[in-house]
Amino acid sequence: MWTYIFYVFVSCVALTPFLLMLDYWYKARTRDWGWTSEDSRDMYVDGVKTIITASGIAVALLASSFSSGRTSNPIVTFSAKVAAVALISCVCWSLVAILALLRGHEQAKARNIDAHRNTGHLRPINEGRLNAVELLLILLTSGIALSCFLVGFIFLGRIAFHF
Protein backbone atom coordinates (compact mmCIF):
# COMPACT_ATOMS: atom_id res chain seq x y z
CA MET A 1 0.00 0.00 0.00
CA TRP A 2 2.84 2.43 0.82
CA THR A 3 4.25 1.84 -2.62
CA TYR A 4 1.01 3.01 -4.22
CA ILE A 5 0.91 6.07 -2.01
CA PHE A 6 4.51 6.85 -2.97
CA TYR A 7 3.75 6.64 -6.69
CA VAL A 8 0.61 8.77 -6.34
CA PHE A 9 2.73 11.33 -4.50
CA VAL A 10 5.41 11.23 -7.22
CA SER A 11 2.75 11.65 -9.91
CA CYS A 12 1.24 14.66 -8.15
CA VAL A 13 4.64 16.29 -7.70
CA ALA A 14 5.57 15.56 -11.32
CA LEU A 15 2.39 17.25 -12.58
CA THR A 16 2.62 20.31 -10.33
CA PRO A 17 5.11 22.22 -12.53
CA PHE A 18 2.68 21.92 -15.42
CA LEU A 19 -0.04 23.61 -13.35
CA LEU A 20 2.38 26.46 -12.79
CA MET A 21 3.14 26.58 -16.51
CA LEU A 22 -0.60 26.59 -17.33
CA ASP A 23 -1.00 29.58 -15.01
CA TYR A 24 1.82 31.39 -16.85
CA TRP A 25 0.23 30.52 -20.20
CA TYR A 26 -3.23 31.68 -19.10
CA LYS A 27 -1.98 35.03 -17.79
CA ALA A 28 0.18 35.63 -20.84
CA ARG A 29 -2.78 35.02 -23.13
CA THR A 30 -5.51 36.84 -21.14
CA ARG A 31 -3.63 39.70 -19.46
CA ASP A 32 -0.99 40.33 -22.11
CA TRP A 33 1.77 39.27 -19.72
CA GLY A 34 3.75 37.55 -22.46
CA TRP A 35 6.44 40.20 -22.57
CA THR A 36 10.07 39.41 -21.91
CA SER A 37 12.82 41.75 -20.79
CA GLU A 38 16.52 41.25 -20.34
CA ASP A 39 16.09 41.20 -16.56
CA SER A 40 13.37 38.53 -16.63
CA ARG A 41 15.31 36.45 -19.14
CA ASP A 42 18.44 36.58 -17.00
CA MET A 43 16.46 35.71 -13.86
CA TYR A 44 14.90 32.61 -15.43
CA VAL A 45 18.16 31.50 -17.03
CA ASP A 46 19.88 31.78 -13.64
CA GLY A 47 17.13 29.66 -12.09
CA VAL A 48 17.50 26.97 -14.74
CA LYS A 49 21.30 27.01 -14.34
CA THR A 50 20.83 26.41 -10.62
CA ILE A 51 18.69 23.36 -11.39
CA ILE A 52 21.37 22.09 -13.79
CA THR A 53 24.04 22.48 -11.11
CA ALA A 54 21.97 20.73 -8.44
CA SER A 55 21.10 17.88 -10.78
CA GLY A 56 24.69 17.44 -11.88
CA ILE A 57 25.94 17.29 -8.31
CA ALA A 58 23.22 14.80 -7.34
CA VAL A 59 23.99 12.53 -10.31
CA ALA A 60 27.72 12.64 -9.54
CA LEU A 61 27.11 11.71 -5.91
CA LEU A 62 24.67 9.00 -6.92
CA ALA A 63 27.07 7.53 -9.46
CA SER A 64 29.98 7.53 -7.03
CA SER A 65 28.01 5.90 -4.23
CA PHE A 66 26.58 3.13 -6.43
CA SER A 67 29.66 2.41 -8.52
CA SER A 68 30.68 -0.42 -6.23
CA GLY A 69 27.31 -2.15 -6.57
CA ARG A 70 27.19 -2.77 -2.85
CA THR A 71 23.41 -2.77 -2.41
CA SER A 72 21.22 -5.82 -2.72
CA ASN A 73 17.94 -4.03 -2.02
CA PRO A 74 15.94 -3.98 -5.28
CA ILE A 75 14.00 -0.86 -4.23
CA VAL A 76 17.24 1.05 -3.70
CA THR A 77 18.66 -0.15 -7.02
CA PHE A 78 15.48 0.75 -8.93
CA SER A 79 15.20 4.14 -7.19
CA ALA A 80 18.84 4.94 -8.01
CA LYS A 81 18.24 4.18 -11.68
CA VAL A 82 15.08 6.28 -11.83
CA ALA A 83 16.77 9.14 -9.98
CA ALA A 84 19.75 9.08 -12.33
CA VAL A 85 17.60 9.03 -15.47
CA ALA A 86 15.32 11.78 -14.15
CA LEU A 87 18.20 14.04 -13.11
CA ILE A 88 20.12 13.53 -16.35
CA SER A 89 16.91 14.24 -18.26
CA CYS A 90 16.54 17.39 -16.18
CA VAL A 91 19.96 18.59 -17.28
CA CYS A 92 19.17 17.92 -20.95
CA TRP A 93 15.75 19.60 -20.85
CA SER A 94 17.16 22.51 -18.86
CA LEU A 95 19.70 23.19 -21.59
CA VAL A 96 16.90 23.21 -24.16
CA ALA A 97 14.90 25.54 -21.90
CA ILE A 98 17.84 27.96 -21.68
CA LEU A 99 18.17 27.99 -25.46
CA ALA A 100 14.41 28.55 -25.80
CA LEU A 101 14.57 31.42 -23.30
CA LEU A 102 17.51 33.06 -25.03
CA ARG A 103 16.21 32.64 -28.56
CA GLY A 104 12.64 33.55 -27.66
CA HIS A 105 13.80 36.74 -25.99
CA GLU A 106 15.97 37.71 -28.94
CA GLN A 107 13.15 37.14 -31.42
CA ALA A 108 10.66 39.08 -29.28
CA LYS A 109 13.14 41.93 -28.89
CA ALA A 110 13.83 41.97 -32.64
CA ARG A 111 10.09 42.18 -33.40
CA ASN A 112 9.80 45.09 -30.96
CA ILE A 113 12.75 46.86 -32.58
CA ASP A 114 11.17 46.42 -36.03
CA ALA A 115 7.84 47.76 -34.77
CA HIS A 116 9.59 50.64 -33.00
CA ARG A 117 11.24 51.65 -36.27
CA ASN A 118 7.83 51.81 -37.94
CA THR A 119 5.85 53.66 -35.25
CA GLY A 120 8.21 54.90 -32.56
CA HIS A 121 5.56 54.50 -29.84
CA LEU A 122 6.23 51.07 -28.37
CA ARG A 123 7.86 49.68 -25.27
CA PRO A 124 11.60 50.03 -24.61
CA ILE A 125 13.92 48.30 -27.05
CA ASN A 126 15.35 45.80 -24.54
CA GLU A 127 12.09 43.85 -24.32
CA GLY A 128 9.49 42.30 -26.56
CA ARG A 129 6.34 40.20 -26.65
CA LEU A 130 6.76 36.44 -27.02
CA ASN A 131 4.52 34.82 -29.59
CA ALA A 132 2.51 31.70 -28.74
CA VAL A 133 5.06 29.23 -30.13
CA GLU A 134 8.01 30.81 -28.30
CA LEU A 135 6.12 30.96 -25.02
CA LEU A 136 4.85 27.40 -25.38
CA LEU A 137 8.35 26.08 -26.12
CA ILE A 138 9.79 27.90 -23.10
CA LEU A 139 7.00 26.71 -20.79
CA LEU A 140 7.02 23.08 -21.96
CA THR A 141 10.78 22.61 -21.75
CA SER A 142 10.92 24.38 -18.38
CA GLY A 143 8.03 22.31 -17.06
CA ILE A 144 9.58 19.04 -18.18
CA ALA A 145 12.95 20.02 -16.69
CA LEU A 146 11.44 21.01 -13.34
CA SER A 147 9.31 17.87 -13.25
CA CYS A 148 12.35 15.67 -13.92
CA PHE A 149 14.28 17.51 -11.21
CA LEU A 150 11.56 16.97 -8.61
CA VAL A 151 11.05 13.30 -9.50
CA GLY A 152 14.80 12.68 -9.35
CA PHE A 153 15.10 14.19 -5.90
CA ILE A 154 12.07 12.31 -4.59
CA PHE A 155 13.63 9.03 -5.70
CA LEU A 156 16.91 10.08 -4.04
CA GLY A 157 14.92 10.56 -0.85
CA ARG A 158 13.45 7.11 -1.29
CA ILE A 159 16.96 5.67 -1.44
CA ALA A 160 17.89 7.31 1.84
CA PHE A 161 14.67 6.03 3.41
CA HIS A 162 15.42 2.41 2.44
CA PHE A 163 19.06 2.31 3.55
C-alpha atoms as a PDB file:
ATOM      1  CA  MET A   1       0.000   0.000   0.000  1.00  0.00           C
ATOM      2  CA  TRP A   2       2.842   2.431   0.818  1.00  0.00           C
ATOM      3  CA  THR A   3       4.253   1.836  -2.622  1.00  0.00           C
ATOM      4  CA  TYR A   4       1.006   3.009  -4.222  1.00  0.00           C
ATOM      5  CA  ILE A   5       0.914   6.074  -2.007  1.00  0.00           C
ATOM      6  CA  PHE A   6       4.511   6.846  -2.967  1.00  0.00           C
ATOM      7  CA  TYR A   7       3.751   6.639  -6.689  1.00  0.00           C
ATOM      8  CA  VAL A   8       0.607   8.772  -6.343  1.00  0.00           C
ATOM      9  CA  PHE A   9       2.734  11.332  -4.505  1.00  0.00           C
ATOM     10  CA  VAL A  10       5.408  11.228  -7.215  1.00  0.00           C
ATOM     11  CA  SER A  11       2.752  11.649  -9.913  1.00  0.00           C
ATOM     12  CA  CYS A  12       1.240  14.660  -8.149  1.00  0.00           C
ATOM     13  CA  VAL A  13       4.637  16.288  -7.695  1.00  0.00           C
ATOM     14  CA  ALA A  14       5.571  15.562 -11.321  1.00  0.00           C
ATOM     15  CA  LEU A  15       2.391  17.246 -12.580  1.00  0.00           C
ATOM     16  CA  THR A  16       2.616  20.313 -10.329  1.00  0.00           C
ATOM     17  CA  PRO A  17       5.114  22.216 -12.533  1.00  0.00           C
ATOM     18  CA  PHE A  18       2.677  21.922 -15.420  1.00  0.00           C
ATOM     19  CA  LEU A  19      -0.041  23.610 -13.352  1.00  0.00           C
ATOM     20  CA  LEU A  20       2.385  26.461 -12.793  1.00  0.00           C
ATOM     21  CA  MET A  21       3.143  26.583 -16.515  1.00  0.00           C
ATOM     22  CA  LEU A  22      -0.597  26.594 -17.325  1.00  0.00           C
ATOM     23  CA  ASP A  23      -0.996  29.580 -15.010  1.00  0.00           C
ATOM     24  CA  TYR A  24       1.819  31.390 -16.850  1.00  0.00           C
ATOM     25  CA  TRP A  25       0.229  30.520 -20.203  1.00  0.00           C
ATOM     26  CA  TYR A  26      -3.227  31.684 -19.098  1.00  0.00           C
ATOM     27  CA  LYS A  27      -1.975  35.029 -17.787  1.00  0.00           C
ATOM     28  CA  ALA A  28       0.176  35.626 -20.839  1.00  0.00           C
ATOM     29  CA  ARG A  29      -2.779  35.024 -23.127  1.00  0.00           C
ATOM     30  CA  THR A  30      -5.510  36.835 -21.142  1.00  0.00           C
ATOM     31  CA  ARG A  31      -3.630  39.702 -19.455  1.00  0.00           C
ATOM     32  CA  ASP A  32      -0.988  40.334 -22.108  1.00  0.00           C
ATOM     33  CA  TRP A  33       1.769  39.274 -19.717  1.00  0.00           C
ATOM     34  CA  GLY A  34       3.747  37.550 -22.458  1.00  0.00           C
ATOM     35  CA  TRP A  35       6.438  40.204 -22.571  1.00  0.00           C
ATOM     36  CA  THR A  36      10.072  39.414 -21.905  1.00  0.00           C
ATOM     37  CA  SER A  37      12.815  41.753 -20.789  1.00  0.00           C
ATOM     38  CA  GLU A  38      16.525  41.251 -20.337  1.00  0.00           C
ATOM     39  CA  ASP A  39      16.091  41.195 -16.555  1.00  0.00           C
ATOM     40  CA  SER A  40      13.371  38.531 -16.626  1.00  0.00           C
ATOM     41  CA  ARG A  41      15.308  36.448 -19.140  1.00  0.00           C
ATOM     42  CA  ASP A  42      18.437  36.577 -16.997  1.00  0.00           C
ATOM     43  CA  MET A  43      16.462  35.711 -13.856  1.00  0.00           C
ATOM     44  CA  TYR A  44      14.898  32.607 -15.432  1.00  0.00           C
ATOM     45  CA  VAL A  45      18.157  31.497 -17.033  1.00  0.00           C
ATOM     46  CA  ASP A  46      19.883  31.778 -13.635  1.00  0.00           C
ATOM     47  CA  GLY A  47      17.128  29.661 -12.087  1.00  0.00           C
ATOM     48  CA  VAL A  48      17.504  26.971 -14.735  1.00  0.00           C
ATOM     49  CA  LYS A  49      21.301  27.015 -14.344  1.00  0.00           C
ATOM     50  CA  THR A  50      20.827  26.410 -10.618  1.00  0.00           C
ATOM     51  CA  ILE A  51      18.687  23.359 -11.390  1.00  0.00           C
ATOM     52  CA  ILE A  52      21.370  22.091 -13.785  1.00  0.00           C
ATOM     53  CA  THR A  53      24.037  22.484 -11.113  1.00  0.00           C
ATOM     54  CA  ALA A  54      21.971  20.731  -8.443  1.00  0.00           C
ATOM     55  CA  SER A  55      21.097  17.878 -10.781  1.00  0.00           C
ATOM     56  CA  GLY A  56      24.691  17.438 -11.879  1.00  0.00           C
ATOM     57  CA  ILE A  57      25.940  17.291  -8.310  1.00  0.00           C
ATOM     58  CA  ALA A  58      23.225  14.799  -7.343  1.00  0.00           C
ATOM     59  CA  VAL A  59      23.990  12.533 -10.314  1.00  0.00           C
ATOM     60  CA  ALA A  60      27.718  12.638  -9.545  1.00  0.00           C
ATOM     61  CA  LEU A  61      27.108  11.715  -5.914  1.00  0.00           C
ATOM     62  CA  LEU A  62      24.668   8.999  -6.923  1.00  0.00           C
ATOM     63  CA  ALA A  63      27.067   7.529  -9.459  1.00  0.00           C
ATOM     64  CA  SER A  64      29.980   7.530  -7.029  1.00  0.00           C
ATOM     65  CA  SER A  65      28.006   5.903  -4.235  1.00  0.00           C
ATOM     66  CA  PHE A  66      26.579   3.133  -6.435  1.00  0.00           C
ATOM     67  CA  SER A  67      29.655   2.413  -8.524  1.00  0.00           C
ATOM     68  CA  SER A  68      30.677  -0.421  -6.229  1.00  0.00           C
ATOM     69  CA  GLY A  69      27.306  -2.150  -6.575  1.00  0.00           C
ATOM     70  CA  ARG A  70      27.186  -2.770  -2.846  1.00  0.00           C
ATOM     71  CA  THR A  71      23.409  -2.770  -2.414  1.00  0.00           C
ATOM     72  CA  SER A  72      21.217  -5.819  -2.719  1.00  0.00           C
ATOM     73  CA  ASN A  73      17.941  -4.028  -2.020  1.00  0.00           C
ATOM     74  CA  PRO A  74      15.941  -3.976  -5.284  1.00  0.00           C
ATOM     75  CA  ILE A  75      14.003  -0.856  -4.234  1.00  0.00           C
ATOM     76  CA  VAL A  76      17.237   1.049  -3.704  1.00  0.00           C
ATOM     77  CA  THR A  77      18.661  -0.146  -7.018  1.00  0.00           C
ATOM     78  CA  PHE A  78      15.484   0.749  -8.930  1.00  0.00           C
ATOM     79  CA  SER A  79      15.203   4.136  -7.193  1.00  0.00           C
ATOM     80  CA  ALA A  80      18.838   4.936  -8.008  1.00  0.00           C
ATOM     81  CA  LYS A  81      18.243   4.180 -11.680  1.00  0.00           C
ATOM     82  CA  VAL A  82      15.076   6.278 -11.826  1.00  0.00           C
ATOM     83  CA  ALA A  83      16.774   9.144  -9.982  1.00  0.00           C
ATOM     84  CA  ALA A  84      19.752   9.084 -12.333  1.00  0.00           C
ATOM     85  CA  VAL A  85      17.597   9.029 -15.467  1.00  0.00           C
ATOM     86  CA  ALA A  86      15.323  11.783 -14.147  1.00  0.00           C
ATOM     87  CA  LEU A  87      18.196  14.038 -13.107  1.00  0.00           C
ATOM     88  CA  ILE A  88      20.119  13.531 -16.347  1.00  0.00           C
ATOM     89  CA  SER A  89      16.906  14.241 -18.263  1.00  0.00           C
ATOM     90  CA  CYS A  90      16.541  17.387 -16.177  1.00  0.00           C
ATOM     91  CA  VAL A  91      19.960  18.586 -17.279  1.00  0.00           C
ATOM     92  CA  CYS A  92      19.170  17.919 -20.950  1.00  0.00           C
ATOM     93  CA  TRP A  93      15.748  19.599 -20.851  1.00  0.00           C
ATOM     94  CA  SER A  94      17.162  22.511 -18.863  1.00  0.00           C
ATOM     95  CA  LEU A  95      19.701  23.193 -21.592  1.00  0.00           C
ATOM     96  CA  VAL A  96      16.900  23.212 -24.162  1.00  0.00           C
ATOM     97  CA  ALA A  97      14.897  25.541 -21.899  1.00  0.00           C
ATOM     98  CA  ILE A  98      17.835  27.956 -21.679  1.00  0.00           C
ATOM     99  CA  LEU A  99      18.172  27.986 -25.456  1.00  0.00           C
ATOM    100  CA  ALA A 100      14.411  28.551 -25.796  1.00  0.00           C
ATOM    101  CA  LEU A 101      14.566  31.417 -23.295  1.00  0.00           C
ATOM    102  CA  LEU A 102      17.507  33.063 -25.030  1.00  0.00           C
ATOM    103  CA  ARG A 103      16.205  32.644 -28.560  1.00  0.00           C
ATOM    104  CA  GLY A 104      12.640  33.551 -27.661  1.00  0.00           C
ATOM    105  CA  HIS A 105      13.800  36.741 -25.987  1.00  0.00           C
ATOM    106  CA  GLU A 106      15.972  37.712 -28.937  1.00  0.00           C
ATOM    107  CA  GLN A 107      13.150  37.135 -31.415  1.00  0.00           C
ATOM    108  CA  ALA A 108      10.655  39.078 -29.284  1.00  0.00           C
ATOM    109  CA  LYS A 109      13.137  41.929 -28.893  1.00  0.00           C
ATOM    110  CA  ALA A 110      13.829  41.965 -32.638  1.00  0.00           C
ATOM    111  CA  ARG A 111      10.094  42.183 -33.402  1.00  0.00           C
ATOM    112  CA  ASN A 112       9.802  45.092 -30.960  1.00  0.00           C
ATOM    113  CA  ILE A 113      12.750  46.863 -32.585  1.00  0.00           C
ATOM    114  CA  ASP A 114      11.174  46.422 -36.025  1.00  0.00           C
ATOM    115  CA  ALA A 115       7.836  47.756 -34.774  1.00  0.00           C
ATOM    116  CA  HIS A 116       9.593  50.639 -33.004  1.00  0.00           C
ATOM    117  CA  ARG A 117      11.239  51.654 -36.272  1.00  0.00           C
ATOM    118  CA  ASN A 118       7.826  51.813 -37.936  1.00  0.00           C
ATOM    119  CA  THR A 119       5.847  53.664 -35.254  1.00  0.00           C
ATOM    120  CA  GLY A 120       8.212  54.901 -32.558  1.00  0.00           C
ATOM    121  CA  HIS A 121       5.558  54.503 -29.836  1.00  0.00           C
ATOM    122  CA  LEU A 122       6.230  51.074 -28.368  1.00  0.00           C
ATOM    123  CA  ARG A 123       7.858  49.680 -25.266  1.00  0.00           C
ATOM    124  CA  PRO A 124      11.596  50.027 -24.607  1.00  0.00           C
ATOM    125  CA  ILE A 125      13.918  48.302 -27.053  1.00  0.00           C
ATOM    126  CA  ASN A 126      15.354  45.795 -24.536  1.00  0.00           C
ATOM    127  CA  GLU A 127      12.092  43.848 -24.318  1.00  0.00           C
ATOM    128  CA  GLY A 128       9.494  42.297 -26.564  1.00  0.00           C
ATOM    129  CA  ARG A 129       6.339  40.204 -26.654  1.00  0.00           C
ATOM    130  CA  LEU A 130       6.756  36.442 -27.022  1.00  0.00           C
ATOM    131  CA  ASN A 131       4.518  34.818 -29.586  1.00  0.00           C
ATOM    132  CA  ALA A 132       2.507  31.699 -28.737  1.00  0.00           C
ATOM    133  CA  VAL A 133       5.063  29.230 -30.134  1.00  0.00           C
ATOM    134  CA  GLU A 134       8.005  30.812 -28.300  1.00  0.00           C
ATOM    135  CA  LEU A 135       6.122  30.961 -25.023  1.00  0.00           C
ATOM    136  CA  LEU A 136       4.847  27.403 -25.381  1.00  0.00           C
ATOM    137  CA  LEU A 137       8.349  26.080 -26.125  1.00  0.00           C
ATOM    138  CA  ILE A 138       9.786  27.896 -23.099  1.00  0.00           C
ATOM    139  CA  LEU A 139       7.004  26.705 -20.794  1.00  0.00           C
ATOM    140  CA  LEU A 140       7.024  23.083 -21.958  1.00  0.00           C
ATOM    141  CA  THR A 141      10.775  22.611 -21.750  1.00  0.00           C
ATOM    142  CA  SER A 142      10.916  24.375 -18.383  1.00  0.00           C
ATOM    143  CA  GLY A 143       8.026  22.315 -17.056  1.00  0.00           C
ATOM    144  CA  ILE A 144       9.580  19.043 -18.175  1.00  0.00           C
ATOM    145  CA  ALA A 145      12.945  20.024 -16.685  1.00  0.00           C
ATOM    146  CA  LEU A 146      11.436  21.014 -13.342  1.00  0.00           C
ATOM    147  CA  SER A 147       9.310  17.869 -13.245  1.00  0.00           C
ATOM    148  CA  CYS A 148      12.350  15.670 -13.919  1.00  0.00           C
ATOM    149  CA  PHE A 149      14.281  17.508 -11.213  1.00  0.00           C
ATOM    150  CA  LEU A 150      11.555  16.966  -8.614  1.00  0.00           C
ATOM    151  CA  VAL A 151      11.052  13.305  -9.497  1.00  0.00           C
ATOM    152  CA  GLY A 152      14.799  12.680  -9.353  1.00  0.00           C
ATOM    153  CA  PHE A 153      15.102  14.185  -5.901  1.00  0.00           C
ATOM    154  CA  ILE A 154      12.071  12.312  -4.591  1.00  0.00           C
ATOM    155  CA  PHE A 155      13.626   9.035  -5.704  1.00  0.00           C
ATOM    156  CA  LEU A 156      16.906  10.080  -4.045  1.00  0.00           C
ATOM    157  CA  GLY A 157      14.924  10.556  -0.850  1.00  0.00           C
ATOM    158  CA  ARG A 158      13.449   7.105  -1.293  1.00  0.00           C
ATOM    159  CA  ILE A 159      16.961   5.672  -1.443  1.00  0.00           C
ATOM    160  CA  ALA A 160      17.887   7.312   1.840  1.00  0.00           C
ATOM    161  CA  PHE A 161      14.667   6.028   3.411  1.00  0.00           C
ATOM    162  CA  HIS A 162      15.417   2.411   2.441  1.00  0.00           C
ATOM    163  CA  PHE A 163      19.056   2.311   3.555  1.00  0.00           C
END
